[in-house]
Amino acid sequence: MQASLHKAFAALDAVNPEGGAAGRQLPVCGFLRNVGADTLNAPDVVRLMEAFFALEPALAWMRRAGDLTGASENFTQNHANAVIFG
C-alpha cells in the first residue's frame, strides 16, 4: 500500500492535460442533493457541500464491484462510488 500511495502522490507532482472523459452519473446520484438538507446547516458544512456539488457532475460514478455477500437485494441500485484524489 505504501508503494501505491507514493506512486499516486508522485503523479500529483506531474502536470498533465485534463482528462477528456465526461462525468458519469448513476440514477442513485439523484438523491445526493437531499443528503442532510434539513440538518447540515453549519457554515463550514454548507461550504463543503457547495464545493462538492460543484465538482460532482464531473465525477465518474461507478457501482461497487466484487463480493456483495451480505448486501441487501437492492444495494447495487442504491449505491455509487466515485474517487476524488488530490
PDB file of N, CA and C in Angstrom:
ATOM      1  N   MET A   1       0.824  -1.182   0.000  1.00  0.00           N
ATOM      2  CA  MET A   1       0.000   0.000   0.000  1.00  0.00           C
ATOM      3  C   MET A   1       0.873   1.253   0.000  1.00  0.00           C
ATOM      4  N   GLN A   2       1.955   1.227   0.734  1.00  0.00           N
ATOM      5  CA  GLN A   2       2.843   2.380   0.797  1.00  0.00           C
ATOM      6  C   GLN A   2       3.363   2.726  -0.591  1.00  0.00           C
ATOM      7  N   ALA A   3       3.715   1.717  -1.390  1.00  0.00           N
ATOM      8  CA  ALA A   3       4.209   1.962  -2.744  1.00  0.00           C
ATOM      9  C   ALA A   3       3.126   2.597  -3.605  1.00  0.00           C
ATOM     10  N   SER A   4       1.891   2.160  -3.440  1.00  0.00           N
ATOM     11  CA  SER A   4       0.775   2.735  -4.209  1.00  0.00           C
ATOM     12  C   SER A   4       0.569   4.197  -3.851  1.00  0.00           C
ATOM     13  N   LEU A   5       0.625   4.521  -2.567  1.00  0.00           N
ATOM     14  CA  LEU A   5       0.463   5.910  -2.144  1.00  0.00           C
ATOM     15  C   LEU A   5       1.594   6.779  -2.673  1.00  0.00           C
ATOM     16  N   HIS A   6       2.820   6.255  -2.603  1.00  0.00           N
ATOM     17  CA  HIS A   6       3.958   7.012  -3.118  1.00  0.00           C
ATOM     18  C   HIS A   6       3.785   7.296  -4.607  1.00  0.00           C
ATOM     19  N   LYS A   7       3.388   6.298  -5.361  1.00  0.00           N
ATOM     20  CA  LYS A   7       3.180   6.455  -6.806  1.00  0.00           C
ATOM     21  C   LYS A   7       2.063   7.459  -7.088  1.00  0.00           C
ATOM     22  N   ALA A   8       0.974   7.370  -6.322  1.00  0.00           N
ATOM     23  CA  ALA A   8      -0.156   8.279  -6.537  1.00  0.00           C
ATOM     24  C   ALA A   8       0.226   9.720  -6.243  1.00  0.00           C
ATOM     25  N   PHE A   9       0.918   9.967  -5.135  1.00  0.00           N
ATOM     26  CA  PHE A   9       1.304  11.330  -4.803  1.00  0.00           C
ATOM     27  C   PHE A   9       2.396  11.855  -5.729  1.00  0.00           C
ATOM     28  N   ALA A  10       3.255  10.988  -6.215  1.00  0.00           N
ATOM     29  CA  ALA A  10       4.260  11.406  -7.193  1.00  0.00           C
ATOM     30  C   ALA A  10       3.578  11.860  -8.482  1.00  0.00           C
ATOM     31  N   ALA A  11       2.502  11.197  -8.853  1.00  0.00           N
ATOM     32  CA  ALA A  11       1.764  11.577 -10.063  1.00  0.00           C
ATOM     33  C   ALA A  11       1.154  12.964  -9.920  1.00  0.00           C
ATOM     34  N   LEU A  12       0.821  13.367  -8.701  1.00  0.00           N
ATOM     35  CA  LEU A  12       0.259  14.702  -8.489  1.00  0.00           C
ATOM     36  C   LEU A  12       1.272  15.800  -8.787  1.00  0.00           C
ATOM     37  N   ASP A  13       2.559  15.474  -8.689  1.00  0.00           N
ATOM     38  CA  ASP A  13       3.605  16.459  -8.967  1.00  0.00           C
ATOM     39  C   ASP A  13       3.762  16.736 -10.460  1.00  0.00           C
ATOM     40  N   ALA A  14       3.306  15.830 -11.294  1.00  0.00           N
ATOM     41  CA  ALA A  14       3.423  15.993 -12.740  1.00  0.00           C
ATOM     42  C   ALA A  14       2.254  16.824 -13.261  1.00  0.00           C
ATOM     43  N   VAL A  15       2.543  17.664 -14.234  1.00  0.00           N
ATOM     44  CA  VAL A  15       1.489  18.442 -14.878  1.00  0.00           C
ATOM     45  C   VAL A  15       1.022  17.656 -16.094  1.00  0.00           C
ATOM     46  N   ASN A  16      -0.233  17.316 -16.109  1.00  0.00           N
ATOM     47  CA  ASN A  16      -0.808  16.535 -17.198  1.00  0.00           C
ATOM     48  C   ASN A  16      -2.016  17.271 -17.759  1.00  0.00           C
ATOM     49  N   PRO A  17      -2.330  17.013 -19.021  1.00  0.00           N
ATOM     50  CA  PRO A  17      -3.537  17.636 -19.576  1.00  0.00           C
ATOM     51  C   PRO A  17      -4.777  17.095 -18.878  1.00  0.00           C
ATOM     52  N   GLU A  18      -5.793  17.909 -18.840  1.00  0.00           N
ATOM     53  CA  GLU A  18      -7.052  17.496 -18.232  1.00  0.00           C
ATOM     54  C   GLU A  18      -7.617  16.324 -19.014  1.00  0.00           C
ATOM     55  N   GLY A  19      -8.163  15.372 -18.310  1.00  0.00           N
ATOM     56  CA  GLY A  19      -8.770  14.217 -18.961  1.00  0.00           C
ATOM     57  C   GLY A  19      -9.960  14.644 -19.801  1.00  0.00           C
ATOM     58  N   GLY A  20     -10.179  13.959 -20.877  1.00  0.00           N
ATOM     59  CA  GLY A  20     -11.264  14.315 -21.773  1.00  0.00           C
ATOM     60  C   GLY A  20     -12.578  13.633 -21.452  1.00  0.00           C
ATOM     61  N   ALA A  21     -12.543  12.677 -20.529  1.00  0.00           N
ATOM     62  CA  ALA A  21     -13.761  11.929 -20.224  1.00  0.00           C
ATOM     63  C   ALA A  21     -14.741  12.805 -19.443  1.00  0.00           C
ATOM     64  N   ALA A  22     -15.979  12.736 -19.832  1.00  0.00           N
ATOM     65  CA  ALA A  22     -17.031  13.470 -19.123  1.00  0.00           C
ATOM     66  C   ALA A  22     -17.428  12.702 -17.873  1.00  0.00           C
ATOM     67  N   GLY A  23     -18.018  13.405 -16.927  1.00  0.00           N
ATOM     68  CA  GLY A  23     -18.520  12.746 -15.738  1.00  0.00           C
ATOM     69  C   GLY A  23     -19.618  11.765 -16.104  1.00  0.00           C
ATOM     70  N   ARG A  24     -19.836  10.824 -15.222  1.00  0.00           N
ATOM     71  CA  ARG A  24     -20.854   9.796 -15.472  1.00  0.00           C
ATOM     72  C   ARG A  24     -21.620   9.581 -14.183  1.00  0.00           C
ATOM     73  N   GLN A  25     -22.903   9.855 -14.227  1.00  0.00           N
ATOM     74  CA  GLN A  25     -23.737   9.692 -13.040  1.00  0.00           C
ATOM     75  C   GLN A  25     -24.564   8.418 -13.152  1.00  0.00           C
ATOM     76  N   LEU A  26     -24.939   7.900 -12.016  1.00  0.00           N
ATOM     77  CA  LEU A  26     -25.857   6.770 -11.921  1.00  0.00           C
ATOM     78  C   LEU A  26     -27.172   7.301 -11.362  1.00  0.00           C
ATOM     79  N   PRO A  27     -28.261   6.594 -11.588  1.00  0.00           N
ATOM     80  CA  PRO A  27     -29.559   7.081 -11.094  1.00  0.00           C
ATOM     81  C   PRO A  27     -29.567   7.417  -9.599  1.00  0.00           C
ATOM     82  N   VAL A  28     -28.851   6.665  -8.793  1.00  0.00           N
ATOM     83  CA  VAL A  28     -28.839   6.911  -7.352  1.00  0.00           C
ATOM     84  C   VAL A  28     -28.251   8.282  -7.014  1.00  0.00           C
ATOM     85  N   CYS A  29     -27.455   8.867  -7.902  1.00  0.00           N
ATOM     86  CA  CYS A  29     -26.862  10.186  -7.654  1.00  0.00           C
ATOM     87  C   CYS A  29     -27.930  11.266  -7.518  1.00  0.00           C
ATOM     88  N   GLY A  30     -29.127  11.000  -8.012  1.00  0.00           N
ATOM     89  CA  GLY A  30     -30.223  11.945  -7.882  1.00  0.00           C
ATOM     90  C   GLY A  30     -30.609  12.212  -6.429  1.00  0.00           C
ATOM     91  N   PHE A  31     -30.222  11.344  -5.519  1.00  0.00           N
ATOM     92  CA  PHE A  31     -30.540  11.508  -4.102  1.00  0.00           C
ATOM     93  C   PHE A  31     -29.531  12.391  -3.370  1.00  0.00           C
ATOM     94  N   LEU A  32     -28.397  12.699  -3.996  1.00  0.00           N
ATOM     95  CA  LEU A  32     -27.328  13.422  -3.301  1.00  0.00           C
ATOM     96  C   LEU A  32     -27.770  14.776  -2.752  1.00  0.00           C
ATOM     97  N   ARG A  33     -28.537  15.515  -3.504  1.00  0.00           N
ATOM     98  CA  ARG A  33     -28.931  16.867  -3.068  1.00  0.00           C
ATOM     99  C   ARG A  33     -29.785  16.850  -1.807  1.00  0.00           C
ATOM    100  N   ASN A  34     -30.405  15.722  -1.520  1.00  0.00           N
ATOM    101  CA  ASN A  34     -31.260  15.635  -0.337  1.00  0.00           C
ATOM    102  C   ASN A  34     -30.510  15.205   0.917  1.00  0.00           C
ATOM    103  N   VAL A  35     -29.259  14.806   0.772  1.00  0.00           N
ATOM    104  CA  VAL A  35     -28.488  14.318   1.917  1.00  0.00           C
ATOM    105  C   VAL A  35     -28.281  15.457   2.913  1.00  0.00           C
ATOM    106  N   GLY A  36     -28.835  15.302   4.067  1.00  0.00           N
ATOM    107  CA  GLY A  36     -28.646  16.278   5.131  1.00  0.00           C
ATOM    108  C   GLY A  36     -29.238  17.650   4.869  1.00  0.00           C
ATOM    109  N   ALA A  37     -30.120  17.782   3.913  1.00  0.00           N
ATOM    110  CA  ALA A  37     -30.654  19.091   3.538  1.00  0.00           C
ATOM    111  C   ALA A  37     -31.268  19.834   4.730  1.00  0.00           C
ATOM    112  N   ASP A  38     -31.885  19.118   5.627  1.00  0.00           N
ATOM    113  CA  ASP A  38     -32.547  19.766   6.763  1.00  0.00           C
ATOM    114  C   ASP A  38     -31.647  19.918   7.987  1.00  0.00           C
ATOM    115  N   THR A  39     -30.589  19.140   8.079  1.00  0.00           N
ATOM    116  CA  THR A  39     -29.799  19.131   9.310  1.00  0.00           C
ATOM    117  C   THR A  39     -28.385  19.675   9.154  1.00  0.00           C
ATOM    118  N   LEU A  40     -27.846  19.680   7.960  1.00  0.00           N
ATOM    119  CA  LEU A  40     -26.460  20.123   7.768  1.00  0.00           C
ATOM    120  C   LEU A  40     -26.430  21.588   7.368  1.00  0.00           C
ATOM    121  N   ASN A  41     -26.603  22.465   8.336  1.00  0.00           N
ATOM    122  CA  ASN A  41     -26.649  23.884   8.016  1.00  0.00           C
ATOM    123  C   ASN A  41     -25.529  24.690   8.671  1.00  0.00           C
ATOM    124  N   ALA A  42     -24.529  24.024   9.233  1.00  0.00           N
ATOM    125  CA  ALA A  42     -23.368  24.731   9.777  1.00  0.00           C
ATOM    126  C   ALA A  42     -22.606  25.354   8.604  1.00  0.00           C
ATOM    127  N   PRO A  43     -22.120  26.583   8.741  1.00  0.00           N
ATOM    128  CA  PRO A  43     -21.462  27.267   7.626  1.00  0.00           C
ATOM    129  C   PRO A  43     -20.329  26.467   6.967  1.00  0.00           C
ATOM    130  N   ASP A  44     -19.502  25.801   7.764  1.00  0.00           N
ATOM    131  CA  ASP A  44     -18.412  25.012   7.185  1.00  0.00           C
ATOM    132  C   ASP A  44     -18.937  23.843   6.364  1.00  0.00           C
ATOM    133  N   VAL A  45     -19.991  23.208   6.857  1.00  0.00           N
ATOM    134  CA  VAL A  45     -20.574  22.078   6.135  1.00  0.00           C
ATOM    135  C   VAL A  45     -21.241  22.571   4.856  1.00  0.00           C
ATOM    136  N   VAL A  46     -21.905  23.703   4.920  1.00  0.00           N
ATOM    137  CA  VAL A  46     -22.550  24.272   3.736  1.00  0.00           C
ATOM    138  C   VAL A  46     -21.500  24.556   2.661  1.00  0.00           C
ATOM    139  N   ARG A  47     -20.368  25.156   3.034  1.00  0.00           N
ATOM    140  CA  ARG A  47     -19.295  25.429   2.063  1.00  0.00           C
ATOM    141  C   ARG A  47     -18.743  24.135   1.469  1.00  0.00           C
ATOM    142  N   LEU A  48     -18.562  23.128   2.310  1.00  0.00           N
ATOM    143  CA  LEU A  48     -18.078  21.832   1.834  1.00  0.00           C
ATOM    144  C   LEU A  48     -19.051  21.228   0.834  1.00  0.00           C
ATOM    145  N   MET A  49     -20.334  21.240   1.158  1.00  0.00           N
ATOM    146  CA  MET A  49     -21.347  20.669   0.265  1.00  0.00           C
ATOM    147  C   MET A  49     -21.435  21.452  -1.044  1.00  0.00           C
ATOM    148  N   GLU A  50     -21.324  22.776  -0.981  1.00  0.00           N
ATOM    149  CA  GLU A  50     -21.342  23.581  -2.210  1.00  0.00           C
ATOM    150  C   GLU A  50     -20.159  23.222  -3.097  1.00  0.00           C
ATOM    151  N   ALA A  51     -18.985  23.058  -2.504  1.00  0.00           N
ATOM    152  CA  ALA A  51     -17.801  22.675  -3.279  1.00  0.00           C
ATOM    153  C   ALA A  51     -17.976  21.284  -3.878  1.00  0.00           C
ATOM    154  N   PHE A  52     -18.511  20.355  -3.086  1.00  0.00           N
ATOM    155  CA  PHE A  52     -18.740  19.003  -3.596  1.00  0.00           C
ATOM    156  C   PHE A  52     -19.726  19.030  -4.756  1.00  0.00           C
ATOM    157  N   PHE A  53     -20.826  19.756  -4.621  1.00  0.00           N
ATOM    158  CA  PHE A  53     -21.829  19.784  -5.688  1.00  0.00           C
ATOM    159  C   PHE A  53     -21.328  20.482  -6.943  1.00  0.00           C
ATOM    160  N   ALA A  54     -20.372  21.378  -6.807  1.00  0.00           N
ATOM    161  CA  ALA A  54     -19.757  21.987  -7.991  1.00  0.00           C
ATOM    162  C   ALA A  54     -18.888  20.970  -8.721  1.00  0.00           C
ATOM    163  N   LEU A  55     -18.256  20.080  -7.983  1.00  0.00           N
ATOM    164  CA  LEU A  55     -17.373  19.059  -8.543  1.00  0.00           C
ATOM    165  C   LEU A  55     -18.127  17.814  -9.011  1.00  0.00           C
ATOM    166  N   GLU A  56     -19.202  17.493  -8.361  1.00  0.00           N
ATOM    167  CA  GLU A  56     -19.911  16.221  -8.552  1.00  0.00           C
ATOM    168  C   GLU A  56     -20.278  15.881  -9.993  1.00  0.00           C
ATOM    169  N   PRO A  57     -20.731  16.810 -10.821  1.00  0.00           N
ATOM    170  CA  PRO A  57     -21.089  16.421 -12.194  1.00  0.00           C
ATOM    171  C   PRO A  57     -19.907  15.914 -13.027  1.00  0.00           C
ATOM    172  N   ALA A  58     -18.696  16.248 -12.629  1.00  0.00           N
ATOM    173  CA  ALA A  58     -17.511  15.806 -13.371  1.00  0.00           C
ATOM    174  C   ALA A  58     -16.997  14.448 -12.902  1.00  0.00           C
ATOM    175  N   LEU A  59     -17.555  13.913 -11.821  1.00  0.00           N
ATOM    176  CA  LEU A  59     -17.085  12.634 -11.297  1.00  0.00           C
ATOM    177  C   LEU A  59     -17.621  11.473 -12.119  1.00  0.00           C
ATOM    178  N   ALA A  60     -16.821  10.427 -12.201  1.00  0.00           N
ATOM    179  CA  ALA A  60     -17.236   9.199 -12.880  1.00  0.00           C
ATOM    180  C   ALA A  60     -17.716   8.217 -11.809  1.00  0.00           C
ATOM    181  N   TRP A  61     -19.013   8.173 -11.613  1.00  0.00           N
ATOM    182  CA  TRP A  61     -19.604   7.311 -10.594  1.00  0.00           C
ATOM    183  C   TRP A  61     -19.639   5.876 -11.090  1.00  0.00           C
ATOM    184  N   MET A  62     -19.392   4.943 -10.170  1.00  0.00           N
ATOM    185  CA  MET A  62     -19.366   3.518 -10.508  1.00  0.00           C
ATOM    186  C   MET A  62     -20.144   2.736  -9.465  1.00  0.00           C
ATOM    187  N   ARG A  63     -20.624   1.579  -9.897  1.00  0.00           N
ATOM    188  CA  ARG A  63     -21.213   0.645  -8.939  1.00  0.00           C
ATOM    189  C   ARG A  63     -20.087  -0.172  -8.336  1.00  0.00           C
ATOM    190  N   ARG A  64     -20.265  -0.581  -7.116  1.00  0.00           N
ATOM    191  CA  ARG A  64     -19.251  -1.378  -6.438  1.00  0.00           C
ATOM    192  C   ARG A  64     -19.117  -2.735  -7.117  1.00  0.00           C
ATOM    193  N   ALA A  65     -17.886  -3.126  -7.325  1.00  0.00           N
ATOM    194  CA  ALA A  65     -17.611  -4.439  -7.910  1.00  0.00           C
ATOM    195  C   ALA A  65     -17.140  -5.370  -6.794  1.00  0.00           C
ATOM    196  N   GLY A  66     -17.149  -6.630  -7.073  1.00  0.00           N
ATOM    197  CA  GLY A  66     -16.606  -7.598  -6.119  1.00  0.00           C
ATOM    198  C   GLY A  66     -17.682  -8.282  -5.307  1.00  0.00           C
ATOM    199  N   ASP A  67     -17.256  -8.842  -4.218  1.00  0.00           N
ATOM    200  CA  ASP A  67     -18.122  -9.640  -3.362  1.00  0.00           C
ATOM    201  C   ASP A  67     -19.177  -8.763  -2.687  1.00  0.00           C
ATOM    202  N   LEU A  68     -20.417  -9.106  -2.893  1.00  0.00           N
ATOM    203  CA  LEU A  68     -21.520  -8.370  -2.272  1.00  0.00           C
ATOM    204  C   LEU A  68     -22.255  -9.242  -1.245  1.00  0.00           C
ATOM    205  N   THR A  69     -21.546 -10.235  -0.718  1.00  0.00           N
ATOM    206  CA  THR A  69     -22.128 -11.108   0.292  1.00  0.00           C
ATOM    207  C   THR A  69     -22.631 -10.269   1.459  1.00  0.00           C
ATOM    208  N   GLY A  70     -23.859 -10.479   1.832  1.00  0.00           N
ATOM    209  CA  GLY A  70     -24.442  -9.754   2.951  1.00  0.00           C
ATOM    210  C   GLY A  70     -25.092  -8.435   2.560  1.00  0.00           C
ATOM    211  N   ALA A  71     -24.915  -8.009   1.314  1.00  0.00           N
ATOM    212  CA  ALA A  71     -25.540  -6.758   0.870  1.00  0.00           C
ATOM    213  C   ALA A  71     -27.025  -6.981   0.636  1.00  0.00           C
ATOM    214  N   SER A  72     -27.797  -5.923   0.769  1.00  0.00           N
ATOM    215  CA  SER A  72     -29.228  -6.031   0.520  1.00  0.00           C
ATOM    216  C   SER A  72     -29.477  -6.291  -0.963  1.00  0.00           C
ATOM    217  N   GLU A  73     -30.670  -6.765  -1.267  1.00  0.00           N
ATOM    218  CA  GLU A  73     -31.024  -7.120  -2.648  1.00  0.00           C
ATOM    219  C   GLU A  73     -30.920  -5.927  -3.602  1.00  0.00           C
ATOM    220  N   ASN A  74     -31.205  -4.733  -3.120  1.00  0.00           N
ATOM    221  CA  ASN A  74     -31.197  -3.550  -3.984  1.00  0.00           C
ATOM    222  C   ASN A  74     -29.938  -2.687  -3.801  1.00  0.00           C
ATOM    223  N   PHE A  75     -28.903  -3.242  -3.205  1.00  0.00           N
ATOM    224  CA  PHE A  75     -27.686  -2.490  -2.919  1.00  0.00           C
ATOM    225  C   PHE A  75     -27.095  -1.858  -4.177  1.00  0.00           C
ATOM    226  N   THR A  76     -26.962  -2.616  -5.248  1.00  0.00           N
ATOM    227  CA  THR A  76     -26.297  -2.080  -6.444  1.00  0.00           C
ATOM    228  C   THR A  76     -27.096  -0.954  -7.093  1.00  0.00           C
ATOM    229  N   GLN A  77     -28.402  -0.919  -6.914  1.00  0.00           N
ATOM    230  CA  GLN A  77     -29.211   0.161  -7.476  1.00  0.00           C
ATOM    231  C   GLN A  77     -29.190   1.415  -6.590  1.00  0.00           C
ATOM    232  N   ASN A  78     -28.825   1.253  -5.331  1.00  0.00           N
ATOM    233  CA  ASN A  78     -28.902   2.364  -4.372  1.00  0.00           C
ATOM    234  C   ASN A  78     -27.550   2.748  -3.781  1.00  0.00           C
ATOM    235  N   HIS A  79     -26.484   2.500  -4.516  1.00  0.00           N
ATOM    236  CA  HIS A  79     -25.147   2.773  -4.016  1.00  0.00           C
ATOM    237  C   HIS A  79     -24.262   3.172  -5.187  1.00  0.00           C
ATOM    238  N   ALA A  80     -23.368   4.128  -4.970  1.00  0.00           N
ATOM    239  CA  ALA A  80     -22.423   4.544  -6.011  1.00  0.00           C
ATOM    240  C   ALA A  80     -21.128   4.991  -5.369  1.00  0.00           C
ATOM    241  N   ASN A  81     -20.034   4.800  -6.075  1.00  0.00           N
ATOM    242  CA  ASN A  81     -18.707   5.234  -5.620  1.00  0.00           C
ATOM    243  C   ASN A  81     -18.090   6.131  -6.669  1.00  0.00           C
ATOM    244  N   ALA A  82     -17.322   7.094  -6.223  1.00  0.00           N
ATOM    245  CA  ALA A  82     -16.512   7.924  -7.108  1.00  0.00           C
ATOM    246  C   ALA A  82     -15.216   8.209  -6.352  1.00  0.00           C
ATOM    247  N   VAL A  83     -14.165   8.485  -7.080  1.00  0.00           N
ATOM    248  CA  VAL A  83     -12.871   8.739  -6.458  1.00  0.00           C
ATOM    249  C   VAL A  83     -12.509  10.206  -6.646  1.00  0.00           C
ATOM    250  N   ILE A  84     -12.142  10.854  -5.550  1.00  0.00           N
ATOM    251  CA  ILE A  84     -11.611  12.224  -5.584  1.00  0.00           C
ATOM    252  C   ILE A  84     -10.215  12.133  -4.987  1.00  0.00           C
ATOM    253  N   PHE A  85      -9.234  12.551  -5.737  1.00  0.00           N
ATOM    254  CA  PHE A  85      -7.859  12.451  -5.277  1.00  0.00           C
ATOM    255  C   PHE A  85      -7.130  13.728  -5.590  1.00  0.00           C
ATOM    256  N   GLY A  86      -6.448  14.241  -4.625  1.00  0.00           N
ATOM    257  CA  GLY A  86      -5.644  15.408  -4.918  1.00  0.00           C
ATOM    258  C   GLY A  86      -5.678  16.412  -3.795  1.00  0.00           C
TER     259      GLY A  86
END
